[in-house]
């Protein structure tokens, strides 16, 4: 199950370099591509506003 970024995202960019498969896309609110996500949780572990969780 892929992780998902909620609308609590502040687009700080902290999660971007943590993703080992480059599944996160930048934007007003960042988005995780569920096809690429390997469910490692590295992004959720570093999110300062807890906007990332398992979908």
N, C-alpha and C. Protein backbone atom coordinates (compact mmCIF):
# COMPACT_ATOMS: atom_id res chain seq x y z
N UNK A 1 0.84 -1.19 0.00
CA UNK A 1 0.00 0.00 0.00
C UNK A 1 0.88 1.24 0.00
N UNK A 2 0.64 2.12 -0.92
CA UNK A 2 1.44 3.34 -1.06
C UNK A 2 1.12 4.35 0.03
N UNK A 3 2.07 5.23 0.27
CA UNK A 3 1.85 6.33 1.20
C UNK A 3 1.15 7.46 0.45
N UNK A 4 0.50 8.33 1.21
CA UNK A 4 -0.24 9.44 0.63
C UNK A 4 0.09 10.71 1.40
N UNK A 5 0.12 11.83 0.69
CA UNK A 5 0.38 13.13 1.31
C UNK A 5 -0.94 13.88 1.41
N UNK A 6 -1.30 14.30 2.61
CA UNK A 6 -2.57 15.00 2.82
C UNK A 6 -2.45 16.48 2.50
N UNK A 7 -3.57 17.18 2.58
CA UNK A 7 -3.56 18.62 2.30
C UNK A 7 -2.93 19.43 3.42
N UNK A 8 -2.43 18.75 4.45
CA UNK A 8 -1.66 19.42 5.51
C UNK A 8 -0.25 19.73 5.03
N UNK A 9 0.12 19.20 3.87
CA UNK A 9 1.45 19.42 3.29
C UNK A 9 1.72 20.91 3.11
N UNK A 10 2.91 21.34 3.54
CA UNK A 10 3.31 22.73 3.39
C UNK A 10 4.36 22.89 2.28
N UNK A 11 4.57 21.84 1.50
CA UNK A 11 5.50 21.85 0.36
C UNK A 11 6.90 22.33 0.75
N UNK A 12 7.39 21.84 1.88
CA UNK A 12 8.71 22.26 2.37
C UNK A 12 9.85 21.55 1.64
N UNK A 13 9.57 20.39 1.04
CA UNK A 13 10.59 19.66 0.30
C UNK A 13 11.42 18.69 1.10
N UNK A 14 11.16 18.57 2.39
CA UNK A 14 11.94 17.68 3.24
C UNK A 14 11.85 16.22 2.79
N UNK A 15 10.70 15.81 2.32
CA UNK A 15 10.48 14.41 1.93
C UNK A 15 11.14 14.05 0.61
N UNK A 16 11.27 15.00 -0.28
CA UNK A 16 11.73 14.74 -1.64
C UNK A 16 13.03 13.94 -1.72
N UNK A 17 14.11 14.36 -1.06
CA UNK A 17 15.36 13.60 -1.18
C UNK A 17 15.35 12.27 -0.42
N UNK A 18 14.35 12.05 0.43
CA UNK A 18 14.29 10.81 1.21
C UNK A 18 13.75 9.63 0.41
N UNK A 19 13.02 9.90 -0.66
CA UNK A 19 12.39 8.82 -1.42
C UNK A 19 13.42 8.11 -2.30
N UNK A 20 13.64 6.81 -2.05
CA UNK A 20 14.65 6.07 -2.82
C UNK A 20 14.24 5.75 -4.25
N UNK A 21 12.95 5.89 -4.56
CA UNK A 21 12.47 5.57 -5.91
C UNK A 21 11.90 6.79 -6.63
N UNK A 22 12.14 7.98 -6.10
CA UNK A 22 11.70 9.24 -6.70
C UNK A 22 10.21 9.23 -7.05
N UNK A 23 9.38 8.80 -6.09
CA UNK A 23 7.93 8.72 -6.30
C UNK A 23 7.21 10.01 -5.93
N UNK A 24 7.92 10.99 -5.37
CA UNK A 24 7.29 12.22 -4.91
C UNK A 24 7.46 13.33 -5.94
N UNK A 25 6.35 13.99 -6.26
CA UNK A 25 6.36 15.10 -7.21
C UNK A 25 6.09 16.40 -6.47
N UNK A 26 6.77 17.47 -6.91
CA UNK A 26 6.58 18.78 -6.30
C UNK A 26 5.30 19.44 -6.81
N UNK A 27 4.80 20.37 -6.00
CA UNK A 27 3.62 21.14 -6.37
C UNK A 27 3.18 21.96 -5.18
N UNK A 28 2.00 22.55 -5.26
CA UNK A 28 1.47 23.29 -4.11
C UNK A 28 1.36 22.35 -2.91
N UNK A 29 0.91 21.15 -3.20
CA UNK A 29 0.92 20.05 -2.23
C UNK A 29 1.63 18.91 -2.95
N UNK A 30 2.62 18.33 -2.31
CA UNK A 30 3.38 17.26 -2.96
C UNK A 30 2.49 16.02 -3.12
N UNK A 31 2.84 15.19 -4.11
CA UNK A 31 2.05 14.00 -4.43
C UNK A 31 2.98 12.80 -4.54
N UNK A 32 2.52 11.66 -4.04
CA UNK A 32 3.28 10.41 -4.16
C UNK A 32 2.63 9.55 -5.23
N UNK A 33 3.42 9.11 -6.20
CA UNK A 33 2.93 8.22 -7.25
C UNK A 33 2.78 6.81 -6.66
N UNK A 34 1.54 6.32 -6.54
CA UNK A 34 1.34 5.00 -5.92
C UNK A 34 1.95 3.84 -6.71
N UNK A 35 2.19 4.07 -8.01
CA UNK A 35 2.80 3.03 -8.84
C UNK A 35 4.29 2.88 -8.53
N UNK A 36 4.92 3.97 -8.11
CA UNK A 36 6.36 3.95 -7.81
C UNK A 36 6.65 3.68 -6.34
N UNK A 37 5.74 4.08 -5.45
CA UNK A 37 5.96 3.98 -4.00
C UNK A 37 6.20 2.53 -3.57
N UNK A 38 7.26 2.32 -2.79
CA UNK A 38 7.59 0.98 -2.32
C UNK A 38 7.23 0.80 -0.84
N UNK A 39 6.47 1.74 -0.28
CA UNK A 39 5.95 1.63 1.07
C UNK A 39 7.04 1.55 2.14
N UNK A 40 8.12 2.31 1.93
CA UNK A 40 9.23 2.25 2.89
C UNK A 40 9.02 3.17 4.09
N UNK A 41 8.24 4.25 3.90
CA UNK A 41 7.96 5.17 5.00
C UNK A 41 9.03 6.20 5.29
N UNK A 42 10.06 6.25 4.47
CA UNK A 42 11.14 7.21 4.71
C UNK A 42 10.63 8.64 4.66
N UNK A 43 9.71 8.91 3.77
CA UNK A 43 9.15 10.26 3.64
C UNK A 43 8.35 10.66 4.88
N UNK A 44 7.54 9.74 5.37
CA UNK A 44 6.70 10.01 6.54
C UNK A 44 7.55 10.27 7.78
N UNK A 45 8.67 9.60 7.86
CA UNK A 45 9.54 9.75 9.02
C UNK A 45 10.14 11.14 9.14
N UNK A 46 10.29 11.85 8.02
CA UNK A 46 10.93 13.17 8.06
C UNK A 46 9.95 14.34 7.90
N UNK A 47 8.69 14.06 7.65
CA UNK A 47 7.72 15.15 7.43
C UNK A 47 7.49 15.94 8.71
N UNK A 48 7.80 17.25 8.68
CA UNK A 48 7.69 18.07 9.89
C UNK A 48 6.24 18.36 10.33
N UNK A 49 5.28 18.15 9.42
CA UNK A 49 3.89 18.44 9.78
C UNK A 49 3.02 17.17 9.77
N UNK A 50 3.66 16.02 9.73
CA UNK A 50 2.96 14.72 9.74
C UNK A 50 1.86 14.63 8.67
N UNK A 51 2.18 15.11 7.48
CA UNK A 51 1.20 15.09 6.38
C UNK A 51 1.24 13.81 5.57
N UNK A 52 2.19 12.92 5.87
CA UNK A 52 2.34 11.71 5.08
C UNK A 52 1.98 10.49 5.92
N UNK A 53 1.11 9.63 5.34
CA UNK A 53 0.68 8.43 6.06
C UNK A 53 0.36 7.33 5.04
N UNK A 54 0.27 6.09 5.53
CA UNK A 54 -0.12 5.01 4.62
C UNK A 54 -1.53 5.27 4.07
N UNK A 55 -1.71 5.02 2.81
CA UNK A 55 -3.03 5.28 2.18
C UNK A 55 -4.04 4.23 2.60
